[in-house]
């Protein structure tokens, strides 16, 4: 487990992978909240 975390946080490709994972999770949360607001909007 220590080798995996070291590879994830120490190497450039690991940091890029970590950024990509966090970006996709953040984008998913944003899109879910956006769609919920659009579905509950009585104007449309």
PDB file of N, CA and C in Angstrom:
ATOM      1  N   UNK A   1       0.827  -1.199   0.000  1.00  0.00           N
ATOM      2  CA  UNK A   1       0.000   0.000   0.000  1.00  0.00           C
ATOM      3  C   UNK A   1       0.868   1.258   0.000  1.00  0.00           C
ATOM      4  N   UNK A   2       1.996   1.200   0.691  1.00  0.00           N
ATOM      5  CA  UNK A   2       2.895   2.350   0.763  1.00  0.00           C
ATOM      6  C   UNK A   2       3.477   2.685  -0.609  1.00  0.00           C
ATOM      7  N   UNK A   3       3.743   1.640  -1.402  1.00  0.00           N
ATOM      8  CA  UNK A   3       4.301   1.849  -2.738  1.00  0.00           C
ATOM      9  C   UNK A   3       3.273   2.535  -3.635  1.00  0.00           C
ATOM     10  N   UNK A   4       2.029   2.151  -3.507  1.00  0.00           N
ATOM     11  CA  UNK A   4       0.967   2.741  -4.326  1.00  0.00           C
ATOM     12  C   UNK A   4       0.787   4.219  -3.990  1.00  0.00           C
ATOM     13  N   UNK A   5       0.737   4.544  -2.712  1.00  0.00           N
ATOM     14  CA  UNK A   5       0.586   5.942  -2.313  1.00  0.00           C
ATOM     15  C   UNK A   5       1.799   6.771  -2.703  1.00  0.00           C
ATOM     16  N   UNK A   6       2.977   6.185  -2.605  1.00  0.00           N
ATOM     17  CA  UNK A   6       4.188   6.891  -3.005  1.00  0.00           C
ATOM     18  C   UNK A   6       4.160   7.166  -4.511  1.00  0.00           C
ATOM     19  N   UNK A   7       3.729   6.213  -5.291  1.00  0.00           N
ATOM     20  CA  UNK A   7       3.633   6.400  -6.737  1.00  0.00           C
ATOM     21  C   UNK A   7       2.573   7.443  -7.077  1.00  0.00           C
ATOM     22  N   UNK A   8       1.467   7.450  -6.334  1.00  0.00           N
ATOM     23  CA  UNK A   8       0.378   8.389  -6.613  1.00  0.00           C
ATOM     24  C   UNK A   8       0.768   9.826  -6.277  1.00  0.00           C
ATOM     25  N   UNK A   9       1.455  10.043  -5.165  1.00  0.00           N
ATOM     26  CA  UNK A   9       1.753  11.403  -4.717  1.00  0.00           C
ATOM     27  C   UNK A   9       3.130  11.906  -5.134  1.00  0.00           C
ATOM     28  N   UNK A  10       4.047  11.034  -5.526  1.00  0.00           N
ATOM     29  CA  UNK A  10       5.408  11.462  -5.797  1.00  0.00           C
ATOM     30  C   UNK A  10       5.724  11.609  -7.284  1.00  0.00           C
ATOM     31  N   UNK A  11       5.098  10.812  -8.114  1.00  0.00           N
ATOM     32  CA  UNK A  11       5.446  10.874  -9.536  1.00  0.00           C
ATOM     33  C   UNK A  11       4.528  11.846 -10.276  1.00  0.00           C
ATOM     34  N   UNK A  12       5.007  12.423 -11.357  1.00  0.00           N
ATOM     35  CA  UNK A  12       4.166  13.370 -12.113  1.00  0.00           C
ATOM     36  C   UNK A  12       2.908  12.724 -12.700  1.00  0.00           C
ATOM     37  N   UNK A  13       3.021  11.501 -13.181  1.00  0.00           N
ATOM     38  CA  UNK A  13       1.847  10.842 -13.756  1.00  0.00           C
ATOM     39  C   UNK A  13       0.848  10.478 -12.660  1.00  0.00           C
ATOM     40  N   UNK A  14       1.333  10.205 -11.463  1.00  0.00           N
ATOM     41  CA  UNK A  14       0.441   9.932 -10.339  1.00  0.00           C
ATOM     42  C   UNK A  14      -0.321  11.177  -9.924  1.00  0.00           C
ATOM     43  N   UNK A  15       0.364  12.313  -9.894  1.00  0.00           N
ATOM     44  CA  UNK A  15      -0.302  13.569  -9.551  1.00  0.00           C
ATOM     45  C   UNK A  15      -1.328  13.953 -10.608  1.00  0.00           C
ATOM     46  N   UNK A  16      -1.000  13.704 -11.867  1.00  0.00           N
ATOM     47  CA  UNK A  16      -1.949  13.986 -12.943  1.00  0.00           C
ATOM     48  C   UNK A  16      -3.180  13.080 -12.824  1.00  0.00           C
ATOM     49  N   UNK A  17      -2.975  11.834 -12.479  1.00  0.00           N
ATOM     50  CA  UNK A  17      -4.093  10.912 -12.280  1.00  0.00           C
ATOM     51  C   UNK A  17      -4.949  11.348 -11.100  1.00  0.00           C
ATOM     52  N   UNK A  18      -4.317  11.766 -10.025  1.00  0.00           N
ATOM     53  CA  UNK A  18      -5.047  12.226  -8.846  1.00  0.00           C
ATOM     54  C   UNK A  18      -5.870  13.464  -9.177  1.00  0.00           C
ATOM     55  N   UNK A  19      -5.283  14.416  -9.910  1.00  0.00           N
ATOM     56  CA  UNK A  19      -6.011  15.609 -10.325  1.00  0.00           C
ATOM     57  C   UNK A  19      -7.203  15.243 -11.208  1.00  0.00           C
ATOM     58  N   UNK A  20      -7.010  14.298 -12.118  1.00  0.00           N
ATOM     59  CA  UNK A  20      -8.094  13.874 -13.007  1.00  0.00           C
ATOM     60  C   UNK A  20      -9.235  13.241 -12.228  1.00  0.00           C
ATOM     61  N   UNK A  21      -8.910  12.390 -11.280  1.00  0.00           N
ATOM     62  CA  UNK A  21      -9.941  11.747 -10.458  1.00  0.00           C
ATOM     63  C   UNK A  21     -10.724  12.793  -9.669  1.00  0.00           C
ATOM     64  N   UNK A  22     -10.016  13.722  -9.032  1.00  0.00           N
ATOM     65  CA  UNK A  22     -10.692  14.751  -8.239  1.00  0.00           C
ATOM     66  C   UNK A  22     -11.520  15.686  -9.124  1.00  0.00           C
ATOM     67  N   UNK A  23     -11.016  15.995 -10.310  1.00  0.00           N
ATOM     68  CA  UNK A  23     -11.760  16.846 -11.236  1.00  0.00           C
ATOM     69  C   UNK A  23     -13.053  16.165 -11.685  1.00  0.00           C
ATOM     70  N   UNK A  24     -13.002  14.882 -11.988  1.00  0.00           N
ATOM     71  CA  UNK A  24     -14.196  14.158 -12.444  1.00  0.00           C
ATOM     72  C   UNK A  24     -15.239  14.055 -11.322  1.00  0.00           C
ATOM     73  N   UNK A  25     -14.791  13.847 -10.093  1.00  0.00           N
ATOM     74  CA  UNK A  25     -15.720  13.798  -8.970  1.00  0.00           C
ATOM     75  C   UNK A  25     -16.368  15.166  -8.767  1.00  0.00           C
ATOM     76  N   UNK A  26     -15.574  16.232  -8.824  1.00  0.00           N
ATOM     77  CA  UNK A  26     -16.115  17.587  -8.680  1.00  0.00           C
ATOM     78  C   UNK A  26     -17.086  17.934  -9.800  1.00  0.00           C
ATOM     79  N   UNK A  27     -16.763  17.560 -11.028  1.00  0.00           N
ATOM     80  CA  UNK A  27     -17.643  17.839 -12.156  1.00  0.00           C
ATOM     81  C   UNK A  27     -18.946  17.057 -12.028  1.00  0.00           C
ATOM     82  N   UNK A  28     -18.882  15.841 -11.530  1.00  0.00           N
ATOM     83  CA  UNK A  28     -20.088  15.053 -11.322  1.00  0.00           C
ATOM     84  C   UNK A  28     -20.993  15.668 -10.270  1.00  0.00           C
ATOM     85  N   UNK A  29     -20.410  16.141  -9.186  1.00  0.00           N
ATOM     86  CA  UNK A  29     -21.203  16.793  -8.137  1.00  0.00           C
ATOM     87  C   UNK A  29     -21.853  18.058  -8.670  1.00  0.00           C
ATOM     88  N   UNK A  30     -21.098  18.843  -9.447  1.00  0.00           N
ATOM     89  CA  UNK A  30     -21.651  20.067 -10.019  1.00  0.00           C
ATOM     90  C   UNK A  30     -22.801  19.757 -10.978  1.00  0.00           C
ATOM     91  N   UNK A  31     -22.632  18.773 -11.836  1.00  0.00           N
ATOM     92  CA  UNK A  31     -23.678  18.456 -12.811  1.00  0.00           C
ATOM     93  C   UNK A  31     -24.933  17.910 -12.143  1.00  0.00           C
ATOM     94  N   UNK A  32     -24.771  17.095 -11.106  1.00  0.00           N
ATOM     95  CA  UNK A  32     -25.941  16.586 -10.388  1.00  0.00           C
ATOM     96  C   UNK A  32     -26.709  17.730  -9.747  1.00  0.00           C
ATOM     97  N   UNK A  33     -26.007  18.675  -9.129  1.00  0.00           N
ATOM     98  CA  UNK A  33     -26.705  19.809  -8.514  1.00  0.00           C
ATOM     99  C   UNK A  33     -27.363  20.693  -9.567  1.00  0.00           C
ATOM    100  N   UNK A  34     -26.707  20.886 -10.707  1.00  0.00           N
ATOM    101  CA  UNK A  34     -27.286  21.674 -11.794  1.00  0.00           C
ATOM    102  C   UNK A  34     -28.552  21.020 -12.331  1.00  0.00           C
ATOM    103  N   UNK A  35     -28.508  19.711 -12.563  1.00  0.00           N
ATOM    104  CA  UNK A  35     -29.679  19.012 -13.093  1.00  0.00           C
ATOM    105  C   UNK A  35     -30.819  18.986 -12.089  1.00  0.00           C
ATOM    106  N   UNK A  36     -30.499  18.860 -10.808  1.00  0.00           N
ATOM    107  CA  UNK A  36     -31.568  18.890  -9.798  1.00  0.00           C
ATOM    108  C   UNK A  36     -32.261  20.246  -9.771  1.00  0.00           C
ATOM    109  N   UNK A  37     -31.475  21.319  -9.873  1.00  0.00           N
ATOM    110  CA  UNK A  37     -32.084  22.655  -9.915  1.00  0.00           C
ATOM    111  C   UNK A  37     -32.947  22.828 -11.149  1.00  0.00           C
ATOM    112  N   UNK A  38     -32.482  22.326 -12.288  1.00  0.00           N
ATOM    113  CA  UNK A  38     -33.256  22.461 -13.532  1.00  0.00           C
ATOM    114  C   UNK A  38     -34.535  21.646 -13.468  1.00  0.00           C
ATOM    115  N   UNK A  39     -34.502  20.464 -12.854  1.00  0.00           N
ATOM    116  CA  UNK A  39     -35.695  19.616 -12.784  1.00  0.00           C
ATOM    117  C   UNK A  39     -36.731  20.199 -11.835  1.00  0.00           C
ATOM    118  N   UNK A  40     -36.292  20.890 -10.791  1.00  0.00           N
ATOM    119  CA  UNK A  40     -37.232  21.442  -9.817  1.00  0.00           C
ATOM    120  C   UNK A  40     -37.682  22.848 -10.162  1.00  0.00           C
ATOM    121  N   UNK A  41     -37.229  23.399 -11.260  1.00  0.00           N
ATOM    122  CA  UNK A  41     -37.597  24.756 -11.679  1.00  0.00           C
ATOM    123  C   UNK A  41     -39.015  24.744 -12.265  1.00  0.00           C
ATOM    124  N   UNK A  42     -39.970  25.431 -11.668  1.00  0.00           N
ATOM    125  CA  UNK A  42     -41.352  25.362 -12.168  1.00  0.00           C
ATOM    126  C   UNK A  42     -41.591  26.167 -13.446  1.00  0.00           C
ATOM    127  N   UNK A  43     -40.633  27.000 -13.848  1.00  0.00           N
ATOM    128  CA  UNK A  43     -40.845  27.855 -15.020  1.00  0.00           C
ATOM    129  C   UNK A  43     -40.869  27.052 -16.327  1.00  0.00           C
ATOM    130  N   UNK A  44     -40.131  25.957 -16.372  1.00  0.00           N
ATOM    131  CA  UNK A  44     -40.013  25.231 -17.639  1.00  0.00           C
ATOM    132  C   UNK A  44     -40.957  24.073 -17.736  1.00  0.00           C
TER     133      UNK A  44
END
